[in-house]
Amino acid sequence: MYIFVINSGSSSIKYQLFKMPSEKPLCSGLAERIGLDHSIITHKVYKGDATTITKQEGFIPDHEAGLYAVAKLLTDPEVASSTILMILKLWATGWYMVAKVLRPLPLLMRR
């Protein structure tokens, strides 16, 4: 089982994907300065002892756009590595807590 946790603040989104029952984090990230100039997303993928960090800078106008950008990172094969299969498995089993926000992503919404 996988657990995806989102902590949304007034100008940020923090997230982590855990593999259960080991409680091992597979990836985590932070979208900050949402609604402000110079927004940034920092996405980390953990594989063994290695951590891969991806940073994207630009303008994130609101939390919907922030979650969309996070979903793109989570499902980008170049960035996500093995986590893409885990995320898609979450969606395929019908467990999606932000489906309305992610409606522009047809890949995630197909069954």
PDB file of N, CA and C in Angstrom:
ATOM      1  N   MET A   1       0.842  -1.157   0.000  1.00  0.00           N
ATOM      2  CA  MET A   1       0.000   0.000   0.000  1.00  0.00           C
ATOM      3  C   MET A   1       0.900   1.237   0.000  1.00  0.00           C
ATOM      4  N   TYR A   2       0.384   2.306  -0.620  1.00  0.00           N
ATOM      5  CA  TYR A   2       1.095   3.587  -0.674  1.00  0.00           C
ATOM      6  C   TYR A   2       0.208   4.665  -0.076  1.00  0.00           C
ATOM      7  N   ILE A   3       0.825   5.602   0.617  1.00  0.00           N
ATOM      8  CA  ILE A   3       0.084   6.718   1.204  1.00  0.00           C
ATOM      9  C   ILE A   3       0.696   8.013   0.687  1.00  0.00           C
ATOM     10  N   PHE A   4      -0.172   8.860   0.125  1.00  0.00           N
ATOM     11  CA  PHE A   4       0.247  10.161  -0.380  1.00  0.00           C
ATOM     12  C   PHE A   4      -0.315  11.224   0.559  1.00  0.00           C
ATOM     13  N   VAL A   5       0.573  12.032   1.138  1.00  0.00           N
ATOM     14  CA  VAL A   5       0.186  13.029   2.136  1.00  0.00           C
ATOM     15  C   VAL A   5       0.395  14.422   1.552  1.00  0.00           C
ATOM     16  N   ILE A   6      -0.617  15.272   1.716  1.00  0.00           N
ATOM     17  CA  ILE A   6      -0.517  16.664   1.271  1.00  0.00           C
ATOM     18  C   ILE A   6      -0.762  17.574   2.469  1.00  0.00           C
ATOM     19  N   ASN A   7       0.098  18.566   2.638  1.00  0.00           N
ATOM     20  CA  ASN A   7      -0.085  19.607   3.646  1.00  0.00           C
ATOM     21  C   ASN A   7      -0.101  20.932   2.887  1.00  0.00           C
ATOM     22  N   SER A   8      -1.275  21.527   2.775  1.00  0.00           N
ATOM     23  CA  SER A   8      -1.439  22.743   1.999  1.00  0.00           C
ATOM     24  C   SER A   8      -1.562  23.949   2.924  1.00  0.00           C
ATOM     25  N   GLY A   9      -0.660  24.912   2.746  1.00  0.00           N
ATOM     26  CA  GLY A   9      -0.709  26.141   3.527  1.00  0.00           C
ATOM     27  C   GLY A   9      -1.214  27.293   2.677  1.00  0.00           C
ATOM     28  N   SER A  10      -1.109  28.499   3.181  1.00  0.00           N
ATOM     29  CA  SER A  10      -1.649  29.657   2.461  1.00  0.00           C
ATOM     30  C   SER A  10      -0.867  29.970   1.180  1.00  0.00           C
ATOM     31  N   SER A  11       0.427  29.663   1.135  1.00  0.00           N
ATOM     32  CA  SER A  11       1.207  29.916  -0.075  1.00  0.00           C
ATOM     33  C   SER A  11       2.168  28.767  -0.383  1.00  0.00           C
ATOM     34  N   SER A  12       1.838  27.569   0.110  1.00  0.00           N
ATOM     35  CA  SER A  12       2.716  26.425  -0.138  1.00  0.00           C
ATOM     36  C   SER A  12       1.929  25.114  -0.158  1.00  0.00           C
ATOM     37  N   ILE A  13       2.547  24.113  -0.771  1.00  0.00           N
ATOM     38  CA  ILE A  13       2.034  22.741  -0.759  1.00  0.00           C
ATOM     39  C   ILE A  13       3.225  21.847  -0.447  1.00  0.00           C
ATOM     40  N   LYS A  14       3.135  21.079   0.628  1.00  0.00           N
ATOM     41  CA  LYS A  14       4.150  20.079   0.956  1.00  0.00           C
ATOM     42  C   LYS A  14       3.521  18.715   0.710  1.00  0.00           C
ATOM     43  N   TYR A  15       4.309  17.770   0.227  1.00  0.00           N
ATOM     44  CA  TYR A  15       3.767  16.440  -0.041  1.00  0.00           C
ATOM     45  C   TYR A  15       4.838  15.377   0.158  1.00  0.00           C
ATOM     46  N   GLN A  16       4.369  14.153   0.456  1.00  0.00           N
ATOM     47  CA  GLN A  16       5.249  12.991   0.568  1.00  0.00           C
ATOM     48  C   GLN A  16       4.477  11.758   0.118  1.00  0.00           C
ATOM     49  N   LEU A  17       5.187  10.827  -0.493  1.00  0.00           N
ATOM     50  CA  LEU A  17       4.634   9.531  -0.867  1.00  0.00           C
ATOM     51  C   LEU A  17       5.388   8.482  -0.065  1.00  0.00           C
ATOM     52  N   PHE A  18       4.626   7.688   0.708  1.00  0.00           N
ATOM     53  CA  PHE A  18       5.217   6.647   1.554  1.00  0.00           C
ATOM     54  C   PHE A  18       4.836   5.265   1.045  1.00  0.00           C
ATOM     55  N   LYS A  19       5.769   4.334   1.186  1.00  0.00           N
ATOM     56  CA  LYS A  19       5.469   2.926   0.937  1.00  0.00           C
ATOM     57  C   LYS A  19       5.198   2.284   2.287  1.00  0.00           C
ATOM     58  N   MET A  20       4.074   1.616   2.386  1.00  0.00           N
ATOM     59  CA  MET A  20       3.697   0.966   3.635  1.00  0.00           C
ATOM     60  C   MET A  20       3.875  -0.543   3.480  1.00  0.00           C
ATOM     61  N   PRO A  21       4.087  -1.291   4.523  1.00  0.00           N
ATOM     62  CA  PRO A  21       4.107  -0.880   5.914  1.00  0.00           C
ATOM     63  C   PRO A  21       5.462  -0.368   6.387  1.00  0.00           C
ATOM     64  N   SER A  22       6.447  -0.292   5.485  1.00  0.00           N
ATOM     65  CA  SER A  22       7.784   0.130   5.923  1.00  0.00           C
ATOM     66  C   SER A  22       7.853   1.610   6.300  1.00  0.00           C
ATOM     67  N   GLU A  23       6.851   2.393   5.904  1.00  0.00           N
ATOM     68  CA  GLU A  23       6.808   3.834   6.168  1.00  0.00           C
ATOM     69  C   GLU A  23       7.987   4.557   5.537  1.00  0.00           C
ATOM     70  N   LYS A  24       8.550   3.954   4.503  1.00  0.00           N
ATOM     71  CA  LYS A  24       9.703   4.526   3.817  1.00  0.00           C
ATOM     72  C   LYS A  24       9.231   5.579   2.816  1.00  0.00           C
ATOM     73  N   PRO A  25       9.751   6.811   2.898  1.00  0.00           N
ATOM     74  CA  PRO A  25       9.347   7.816   1.909  1.00  0.00           C
ATOM     75  C   PRO A  25       9.980   7.514   0.550  1.00  0.00           C
ATOM     76  N   LEU A  26       9.169   7.591  -0.498  1.00  0.00           N
ATOM     77  CA  LEU A  26       9.658   7.373  -1.856  1.00  0.00           C
ATOM     78  C   LEU A  26       9.977   8.692  -2.532  1.00  0.00           C
ATOM     79  N   CYS A  27       9.194   9.727  -2.216  1.00  0.00           N
ATOM     80  CA  CYS A  27       9.460  11.055  -2.740  1.00  0.00           C
ATOM     81  C   CYS A  27       8.791  12.086  -1.842  1.00  0.00           C
ATOM     82  N   SER A  28       9.244  13.319  -1.975  1.00  0.00           N
ATOM     83  CA  SER A  28       8.658  14.418  -1.211  1.00  0.00           C
ATOM     84  C   SER A  28       8.886  15.698  -1.981  1.00  0.00           C
ATOM     85  N   GLY A  29       8.179  16.730  -1.591  1.00  0.00           N
ATOM     86  CA  GLY A  29       8.380  17.983  -2.288  1.00  0.00           C
ATOM     87  C   GLY A  29       7.720  19.159  -1.604  1.00  0.00           C
ATOM     88  N   LEU A  30       8.040  20.329  -2.138  1.00  0.00           N
ATOM     89  CA  LEU A  30       7.515  21.571  -1.607  1.00  0.00           C
ATOM     90  C   LEU A  30       7.319  22.543  -2.763  1.00  0.00           C
ATOM     91  N   ALA A  31       6.080  23.012  -2.916  1.00  0.00           N
ATOM     92  CA  ALA A  31       5.787  24.112  -3.835  1.00  0.00           C
ATOM     93  C   ALA A  31       5.601  25.332  -2.949  1.00  0.00           C
ATOM     94  N   GLU A  32       6.413  26.361  -3.168  1.00  0.00           N
ATOM     95  CA  GLU A  32       6.341  27.522  -2.280  1.00  0.00           C
ATOM     96  C   GLU A  32       6.210  28.820  -3.070  1.00  0.00           C
ATOM     97  N   ARG A  33       5.768  29.843  -2.372  1.00  0.00           N
ATOM     98  CA  ARG A  33       5.509  31.161  -2.936  1.00  0.00           C
ATOM     99  C   ARG A  33       4.365  31.122  -3.941  1.00  0.00           C
ATOM    100  N   ILE A  34       3.360  30.266  -3.676  1.00  0.00           N
ATOM    101  CA  ILE A  34       2.183  30.179  -4.541  1.00  0.00           C
ATOM    102  C   ILE A  34       1.451  31.515  -4.499  1.00  0.00           C
ATOM    103  N   GLY A  35       1.145  32.024  -5.693  1.00  0.00           N
ATOM    104  CA  GLY A  35       0.477  33.316  -5.802  1.00  0.00           C
ATOM    105  C   GLY A  35       1.423  34.495  -5.755  1.00  0.00           C
ATOM    106  N   LEU A  36       2.714  34.229  -5.638  1.00  0.00           N
ATOM    107  CA  LEU A  36       3.725  35.289  -5.557  1.00  0.00           C
ATOM    108  C   LEU A  36       4.734  35.113  -6.682  1.00  0.00           C
ATOM    109  N   ASP A  37       5.472  36.156  -6.958  1.00  0.00           N
ATOM    110  CA  ASP A  37       6.542  36.057  -7.946  1.00  0.00           C
ATOM    111  C   ASP A  37       7.608  35.078  -7.452  1.00  0.00           C
ATOM    112  N   HIS A  38       8.303  34.482  -8.402  1.00  0.00           N
ATOM    113  CA  HIS A  38       9.424  33.584  -8.114  1.00  0.00           C
ATOM    114  C   HIS A  38       8.980  32.337  -7.337  1.00  0.00           C
ATOM    115  N   SER A  39       7.855  31.743  -7.748  1.00  0.00           N
ATOM    116  CA  SER A  39       7.417  30.478  -7.147  1.00  0.00           C
ATOM    117  C   SER A  39       8.447  29.398  -7.484  1.00  0.00           C
ATOM    118  N   ILE A  40       8.541  28.394  -6.628  1.00  0.00           N
ATOM    119  CA  ILE A  40       9.501  27.312  -6.852  1.00  0.00           C
ATOM    120  C   ILE A  40       8.940  25.997  -6.325  1.00  0.00           C
ATOM    121  N   ILE A  41       9.223  24.931  -7.058  1.00  0.00           N
ATOM    122  CA  ILE A  41       8.882  23.580  -6.606  1.00  0.00           C
ATOM    123  C   ILE A  41      10.185  22.807  -6.467  1.00  0.00           C
ATOM    124  N   THR A  42      10.383  22.207  -5.310  1.00  0.00           N
ATOM    125  CA  THR A  42      11.521  21.328  -5.066  1.00  0.00           C
ATOM    126  C   THR A  42      10.959  19.926  -4.874  1.00  0.00           C
ATOM    127  N   HIS A  43      11.369  18.994  -5.744  1.00  0.00           N
ATOM    128  CA  HIS A  43      10.863  17.618  -5.730  1.00  0.00           C
ATOM    129  C   HIS A  43      12.047  16.683  -5.485  1.00  0.00           C
ATOM    130  N   LYS A  44      11.904  15.789  -4.493  1.00  0.00           N
ATOM    131  CA  LYS A  44      12.976  14.853  -4.151  1.00  0.00           C
ATOM    132  C   LYS A  44      12.487  13.422  -4.337  1.00  0.00           C
ATOM    133  N   VAL A  45      13.308  12.602  -4.983  1.00  0.00           N
ATOM    134  CA  VAL A  45      13.025  11.173  -5.149  1.00  0.00           C
ATOM    135  C   VAL A  45      14.122  10.410  -4.421  1.00  0.00           C
ATOM    136  N   TYR A  46      13.710   9.492  -3.540  1.00  0.00           N
ATOM    137  CA  TYR A  46      14.644   8.715  -2.728  1.00  0.00           C
ATOM    138  C   TYR A  46      14.740   7.302  -3.292  1.00  0.00           C
ATOM    139  N   LYS A  47      15.972   6.884  -3.624  1.00  0.00           N
ATOM    140  CA  LYS A  47      16.219   5.531  -4.139  1.00  0.00           C
ATOM    141  C   LYS A  47      17.430   4.982  -3.411  1.00  0.00           C
ATOM    142  N   GLY A  48      17.177   4.064  -2.476  1.00  0.00           N
ATOM    143  CA  GLY A  48      18.272   3.550  -1.671  1.00  0.00           C
ATOM    144  C   GLY A  48      18.870   4.675  -0.854  1.00  0.00           C
ATOM    145  N   ASP A  49      20.191   4.853  -0.967  1.00  0.00           N
ATOM    146  CA  ASP A  49      20.868   5.929  -0.248  1.00  0.00           C
ATOM    147  C   ASP A  49      20.959   7.213  -1.068  1.00  0.00           C
ATOM    148  N   ALA A  50      20.494   7.166  -2.322  1.00  0.00           N
ATOM    149  CA  ALA A  50      20.602   8.327  -3.205  1.00  0.00           C
ATOM    150  C   ALA A  50      19.322   9.166  -3.181  1.00  0.00           C
ATOM    151  N   THR A  51      19.502  10.471  -3.313  1.00  0.00           N
ATOM    152  CA  THR A  51      18.381  11.403  -3.418  1.00  0.00           C
ATOM    153  C   THR A  51      18.569  12.233  -4.676  1.00  0.00           C
ATOM    154  N   THR A  52      17.549  12.245  -5.535  1.00  0.00           N
ATOM    155  CA  THR A  52      17.563  13.070  -6.734  1.00  0.00           C
ATOM    156  C   THR A  52      16.669  14.269  -6.488  1.00  0.00           C
ATOM    157  N   ILE A  53      17.187  15.460  -6.735  1.00  0.00           N
ATOM    158  CA  ILE A  53      16.437  16.687  -6.489  1.00  0.00           C
ATOM    159  C   ILE A  53      16.187  17.405  -7.813  1.00  0.00           C
ATOM    160  N   THR A  54      14.923  17.749  -8.044  1.00  0.00           N
ATOM    161  CA  THR A  54      14.522  18.525  -9.221  1.00  0.00           C
ATOM    162  C   THR A  54      13.911  19.824  -8.729  1.00  0.00           C
ATOM    163  N   LYS A  55      14.342  20.950  -9.319  1.00  0.00           N
ATOM    164  CA  LYS A  55      13.766  22.254  -8.961  1.00  0.00           C
ATOM    165  C   LYS A  55      13.175  22.889 -10.203  1.00  0.00           C
ATOM    166  N   GLN A  56      11.984  23.466 -10.040  1.00  0.00           N
ATOM    167  CA  GLN A  56      11.337  24.204 -11.120  1.00  0.00           C
ATOM    168  C   GLN A  56      10.955  25.575 -10.586  1.00  0.00           C
ATOM    169  N   GLU A  57      11.346  26.598 -11.318  1.00  0.00           N
ATOM    170  CA  GLU A  57      11.003  27.960 -10.921  1.00  0.00           C
ATOM    171  C   GLU A  57      10.065  28.569 -11.946  1.00  0.00           C
ATOM    172  N   GLY A  58       9.218  29.483 -11.498  1.00  0.00           N
ATOM    173  CA  GLY A  58       8.261  30.144 -12.377  1.00  0.00           C
ATOM    174  C   GLY A  58       7.174  30.771 -11.522  1.00  0.00           C
ATOM    175  N   PHE A  59       6.038  31.027 -12.125  1.00  0.00           N
ATOM    176  CA  PHE A  59       4.923  31.616 -11.393  1.00  0.00           C
ATOM    177  C   PHE A  59       3.830  30.565 -11.234  1.00  0.00           C
ATOM    178  N   ILE A  60       3.420  30.302 -10.003  1.00  0.00           N
ATOM    179  CA  ILE A  60       2.300  29.412  -9.695  1.00  0.00           C
ATOM    180  C   ILE A  60       1.186  30.298  -9.163  1.00  0.00           C
ATOM    181  N   PRO A  61       0.135  30.544  -9.964  1.00  0.00           N
ATOM    182  CA  PRO A  61      -0.880  31.530  -9.566  1.00  0.00           C
ATOM    183  C   PRO A  61      -1.752  31.128  -8.388  1.00  0.00           C
ATOM    184  N   ASP A  62      -2.024  29.812  -8.241  1.00  0.00           N
ATOM    185  CA  ASP A  62      -2.918  29.369  -7.168  1.00  0.00           C
ATOM    186  C   ASP A  62      -2.636  27.910  -6.827  1.00  0.00           C
ATOM    187  N   HIS A  63      -3.347  27.381  -5.832  1.00  0.00           N
ATOM    188  CA  HIS A  63      -3.111  26.007  -5.387  1.00  0.00           C
ATOM    189  C   HIS A  63      -3.513  24.969  -6.436  1.00  0.00           C
ATOM    190  N   GLU A  64      -4.524  25.273  -7.249  1.00  0.00           N
ATOM    191  CA  GLU A  64      -4.900  24.344  -8.320  1.00  0.00           C
ATOM    192  C   GLU A  64      -3.736  24.172  -9.285  1.00  0.00           C
ATOM    193  N   ALA A  65      -3.130  25.277  -9.697  1.00  0.00           N
ATOM    194  CA  ALA A  65      -1.968  25.208 -10.583  1.00  0.00           C
ATOM    195  C   ALA A  65      -0.794  24.529  -9.882  1.00  0.00           C
ATOM    196  N   GLY A  66      -0.648  24.753  -8.571  1.00  0.00           N
ATOM    197  CA  GLY A  66       0.419  24.108  -7.814  1.00  0.00           C
ATOM    198  C   GLY A  66       0.266  22.598  -7.778  1.00  0.00           C
ATOM    199  N   LEU A  67      -0.957  22.121  -7.520  1.00  0.00           N
ATOM    200  CA  LEU A  67      -1.200  20.675  -7.505  1.00  0.00           C
ATOM    201  C   LEU A  67      -1.035  20.076  -8.898  1.00  0.00           C
ATOM    202  N   TYR A  68      -1.412  20.806  -9.902  1.00  0.00           N
ATOM    203  CA  TYR A  68      -1.216  20.341 -11.281  1.00  0.00           C
ATOM    204  C   TYR A  68       0.282  20.172 -11.565  1.00  0.00           C
ATOM    205  N   ALA A  69       1.092  21.156 -11.158  1.00  0.00           N
ATOM    206  CA  ALA A  69       2.539  21.077 -11.367  1.00  0.00           C
ATOM    207  C   ALA A  69       3.150  19.910 -10.582  1.00  0.00           C
ATOM    208  N   VAL A  70       2.677  19.696  -9.360  1.00  0.00           N
ATOM    209  CA  VAL A  70       3.156  18.563  -8.551  1.00  0.00           C
ATOM    210  C   VAL A  70       2.797  17.247  -9.236  1.00  0.00           C
ATOM    211  N   ALA A  71       1.558  17.128  -9.727  1.00  0.00           N
ATOM    212  CA  ALA A  71       1.132  15.902 -10.409  1.00  0.00           C
ATOM    213  C   ALA A  71       1.975  15.645 -11.647  1.00  0.00           C
ATOM    214  N   LYS A  72       2.330  16.695 -12.374  1.00  0.00           N
ATOM    215  CA  LYS A  72       3.190  16.518 -13.546  1.00  0.00           C
ATOM    216  C   LYS A  72       4.558  15.982 -13.137  1.00  0.00           C
ATOM    217  N   LEU A  73       5.111  16.493 -12.050  1.00  0.00           N
ATOM    218  CA  LEU A  73       6.403  15.984 -11.570  1.00  0.00           C
ATOM    219  C   LEU A  73       6.293  14.524 -11.135  1.00  0.00           C
ATOM    220  N   LEU A  74       5.218  14.206 -10.436  1.00  0.00           N
ATOM    221  CA  LEU A  74       5.043  12.841  -9.933  1.00  0.00           C
ATOM    222  C   LEU A  74       4.871  11.826 -11.054  1.00  0.00           C
ATOM    223  N   THR A  75       4.393  12.267 -12.201  1.00  0.00           N
ATOM    224  CA  THR A  75       4.126  11.331 -13.292  1.00  0.00           C
ATOM    225  C   THR A  75       5.069  11.508 -14.481  1.00  0.00           C
ATOM    226  N   ASP A  76       6.057  12.358 -14.364  1.00  0.00           N
ATOM    227  CA  ASP A  76       7.043  12.559 -15.424  1.00  0.00           C
ATOM    228  C   ASP A  76       8.079  11.443 -15.352  1.00  0.00           C
ATOM    229  N   PRO A  77       8.158  10.576 -16.374  1.00  0.00           N
ATOM    230  CA  PRO A  77       9.088   9.445 -16.314  1.00  0.00           C
ATOM    231  C   PRO A  77      10.554   9.866 -16.142  1.00  0.00           C
ATOM    232  N   GLU A  78      10.927  11.028 -16.641  1.00  0.00           N
ATOM    233  CA  GLU A  78      12.309  11.488 -16.508  1.00  0.00           C
ATOM    234  C   GLU A  78      12.624  11.920 -15.077  1.00  0.00           C
ATOM    235  N   VAL A  79      11.605  12.411 -14.364  1.00  0.00           N
ATOM    236  CA  VAL A  79      11.802  12.899 -13.000  1.00  0.00           C
ATOM    237  C   VAL A  79      11.401  11.845 -11.986  1.00  0.00           C
ATOM    238  N   ALA A  80      10.257  11.210 -12.224  1.00  0.00           N
ATOM    239  CA  ALA A  80       9.645  10.353 -11.220  1.00  0.00           C
ATOM    240  C   ALA A  80      10.317   9.005 -11.063  1.00  0.00           C
ATOM    241  N   SER A  81      10.999   8.530 -12.094  1.00  0.00           N
ATOM    242  CA  SER A  81      11.635   7.235 -12.005  1.00  0.00           C
ATOM    243  C   SER A  81      10.592   6.176 -11.688  1.00  0.00           C
ATOM    244  N   SER A  82      10.818   5.354 -10.683  1.00  0.00           N
ATOM    245  CA  SER A  82       9.892   4.265 -10.376  1.00  0.00           C
ATOM    246  C   SER A  82       8.619   4.743  -9.689  1.00  0.00           C
ATOM    247  N   THR A  83       8.595   5.965  -9.176  1.00  0.00           N
ATOM    248  CA  THR A  83       7.392   6.418  -8.475  1.00  0.00           C
ATOM    249  C   THR A  83       6.206   6.582  -9.413  1.00  0.00           C
ATOM    250  N   ILE A  84       6.449   6.735 -10.721  1.00  0.00           N
ATOM    251  CA  ILE A  84       5.336   6.905 -11.647  1.00  0.00           C
ATOM    252  C   ILE A  84       4.379   5.714 -11.577  1.00  0.00           C
ATOM    253  N   LEU A  85       4.920   4.520 -11.505  1.00  0.00           N
ATOM    254  CA  LEU A  85       4.056   3.337 -11.445  1.00  0.00           C
ATOM    255  C   LEU A  85       3.249   3.303 -10.160  1.00  0.00           C
ATOM    256  N   MET A  86       3.850   3.745  -9.071  1.00  0.00           N
ATOM    257  CA  MET A  86       3.137   3.752  -7.797  1.00  0.00           C
ATOM    258  C   MET A  86       2.000   4.768  -7.802  1.00  0.00           C
ATOM    259  N   ILE A  87       2.260   5.948  -8.332  1.00  0.00           N
ATOM    260  CA  ILE A  87       1.220   6.975  -8.401  1.00  0.00           C
ATOM    261  C   ILE A  87       0.088   6.513  -9.295  1.00  0.00           C
ATOM    262  N   LEU A  88       0.415   5.981 -10.458  1.00  0.00           N
ATOM    263  CA  LEU A  88      -0.634   5.522 -11.366  1.00  0.00           C
ATOM    264  C   LEU A  88      -1.432   4.382 -10.749  1.00  0.00           C
ATOM    265  N   LYS A  89      -0.780   3.566  -9.938  1.00  0.00           N
ATOM    266  CA  LYS A  89      -1.509   2.497  -9.248  1.00  0.00           C
ATOM    267  C   LYS A  89      -2.521   3.101  -8.266  1.00  0.00           C
ATOM    268  N   LEU A  90      -2.129   4.167  -7.572  1.00  0.00           N
ATOM    269  CA  LEU A  90      -3.071   4.828  -6.665  1.00  0.00           C
ATOM    270  C   LEU A  90      -4.307   5.302  -7.423  1.00  0.00           C
ATOM    271  N   TRP A  91      -4.094   5.908  -8.574  1.00  0.00           N
ATOM    272  CA  TRP A  91      -5.224   6.423  -9.350  1.00  0.00           C
ATOM    273  C   TRP A  91      -6.058   5.277  -9.908  1.00  0.00           C
ATOM    274  N   ALA A  92      -5.417   4.238 -10.404  1.00  0.00           N
ATOM    275  CA  ALA A  92      -6.139   3.128 -11.019  1.00  0.00           C
ATOM    276  C   ALA A  92      -7.024   2.394 -10.023  1.00  0.00           C
ATOM    277  N   THR A  93      -6.643   2.364  -8.763  1.00  0.00           N
ATOM    278  CA  THR A  93      -7.459   1.678  -7.760  1.00  0.00           C
ATOM    279  C   THR A  93      -8.595   2.555  -7.256  1.00  0.00           C
ATOM    280  N   GLY A  94      -8.707   3.756  -7.793  1.00  0.00           N
ATOM    281  CA  GLY A  94      -9.822   4.620  -7.420  1.00  0.00           C
ATOM    282  C   GLY A  94      -9.566   5.508  -6.226  1.00  0.00           C
ATOM    283  N   TRP A  95      -8.350   5.499  -5.693  1.00  0.00           N
ATOM    284  CA  TRP A  95      -8.059   6.325  -4.528  1.00  0.00           C
ATOM    285  C   TRP A  95      -7.413   7.615  -5.008  1.00  0.00           C
ATOM    286  N   TYR A  96      -8.214   8.640  -5.149  1.00  0.00           N
ATOM    287  CA  TYR A  96      -7.670   9.933  -5.568  1.00  0.00           C
ATOM    288  C   TYR A  96      -8.371  11.039  -4.800  1.00  0.00           C
ATOM    289  N   MET A  97      -7.595  11.725  -3.982  1.00  0.00           N
ATOM    290  CA  MET A  97      -8.165  12.744  -3.112  1.00  0.00           C
ATOM    291  C   MET A  97      -8.191  14.116  -3.758  1.00  0.00           C
ATOM    292  N   VAL A  98      -7.520  14.294  -4.874  1.00  0.00           N
ATOM    293  CA  VAL A  98      -7.502  15.596  -5.517  1.00  0.00           C
ATOM    294  C   VAL A  98      -7.961  15.494  -6.974  1.00  0.00           C
ATOM    295  N   ALA A  99      -8.857  14.571  -7.253  1.00  0.00           N
ATOM    296  CA  ALA A  99      -9.271  14.318  -8.632  1.00  0.00           C
ATOM    297  C   ALA A  99      -9.877  15.548  -9.286  1.00  0.00           C
ATOM    298  N   LYS A 100     -10.661  16.314  -8.574  1.00  0.00           N
ATOM    299  CA  LYS A 100     -11.283  17.494  -9.177  1.00  0.00           C
ATOM    300  C   LYS A 100     -10.234  18.524  -9.576  1.00  0.00           C
ATOM    301  N   VAL A 101      -9.200  18.641  -8.783  1.00  0.00           N
ATOM    302  CA  VAL A 101      -8.132  19.587  -9.113  1.00  0.00           C
ATOM    303  C   VAL A 101      -7.340  19.094 -10.310  1.00  0.00           C
ATOM    304  N   LEU A 102      -7.176  17.787 -10.418  1.00  0.00           N
ATOM    305  CA  LEU A 102      -6.357  17.211 -11.480  1.00  0.00           C
ATOM    306  C   LEU A 102      -7.137  16.907 -12.751  1.00  0.00           C
ATOM    307  N   ARG A 103      -8.370  17.377 -12.853  1.00  0.00           N
ATOM    308  CA  ARG A 103      -9.184  17.066 -14.025  1.00  0.00           C
ATOM    309  C   ARG A 103      -8.522  17.418 -15.359  1.00  0.00           C
ATOM    310  N   PRO A 104      -7.608  18.397 -15.439  1.00  0.00           N
ATOM    311  CA  PRO A 104      -6.960  18.649 -16.722  1.00  0.00           C
ATOM    312  C   PRO A 104      -5.961  17.582 -17.153  1.00  0.00           C
ATOM    313  N   LEU A 105      -5.655  16.640 -16.295  1.00  0.00           N
ATOM    314  CA  LEU A 105      -4.684  15.596 -16.641  1.00  0.00           C
ATOM    315  C   LEU A 105      -5.405  14.340 -17.143  1.00  0.00           C
ATOM    316  N   PRO A 106      -5.696  14.254 -18.429  1.00  0.00           N
ATOM    317  CA  PRO A 106      -6.465  13.109 -18.929  1.00  0.00           C
ATOM    318  C   PRO A 106      -5.774  11.764 -18.688  1.00  0.00           C
ATOM    319  N   LEU A 107      -4.438  11.741 -18.668  1.00  0.00           N
ATOM    320  CA  LEU A 107      -3.718  10.482 -18.429  1.00  0.00           C
ATOM    321  C   LEU A 107      -4.090   9.901 -17.077  1.00  0.00           C
ATOM    322  N   LEU A 108      -4.192  10.741 -16.064  1.00  0.00           N
ATOM    323  CA  LEU A 108      -4.492  10.257 -14.724  1.00  0.00           C
ATOM    324  C   LEU A 108      -5.955   9.845 -14.572  1.00  0.00           C
ATOM    325  N   MET A 109      -6.827  10.448 -15.330  1.00  0.00           N
ATOM    326  CA  MET A 109      -8.245  10.219 -15.140  1.00  0.00           C
ATOM    327  C   MET A 109      -8.776   9.053 -15.975  1.00  0.00           C
ATOM    328  N   ARG A 110      -8.002   8.578 -16.952  1.00  0.00           N
ATOM    329  CA  ARG A 110      -8.442   7.425 -17.752  1.00  0.00           C
ATOM    330  C   ARG A 110      -8.415   6.163 -16.948  1.00  0.00           C
ATOM    331  N   ARG A 111      -9.337   5.276 -17.239  1.00  0.00           N
ATOM    332  CA  ARG A 111      -9.343   3.970 -16.566  1.00  0.00           C
ATOM    333  C   ARG A 111      -9.298   2.880 -17.590  1.00  0.00           C
TER     334      ARG A 111
END
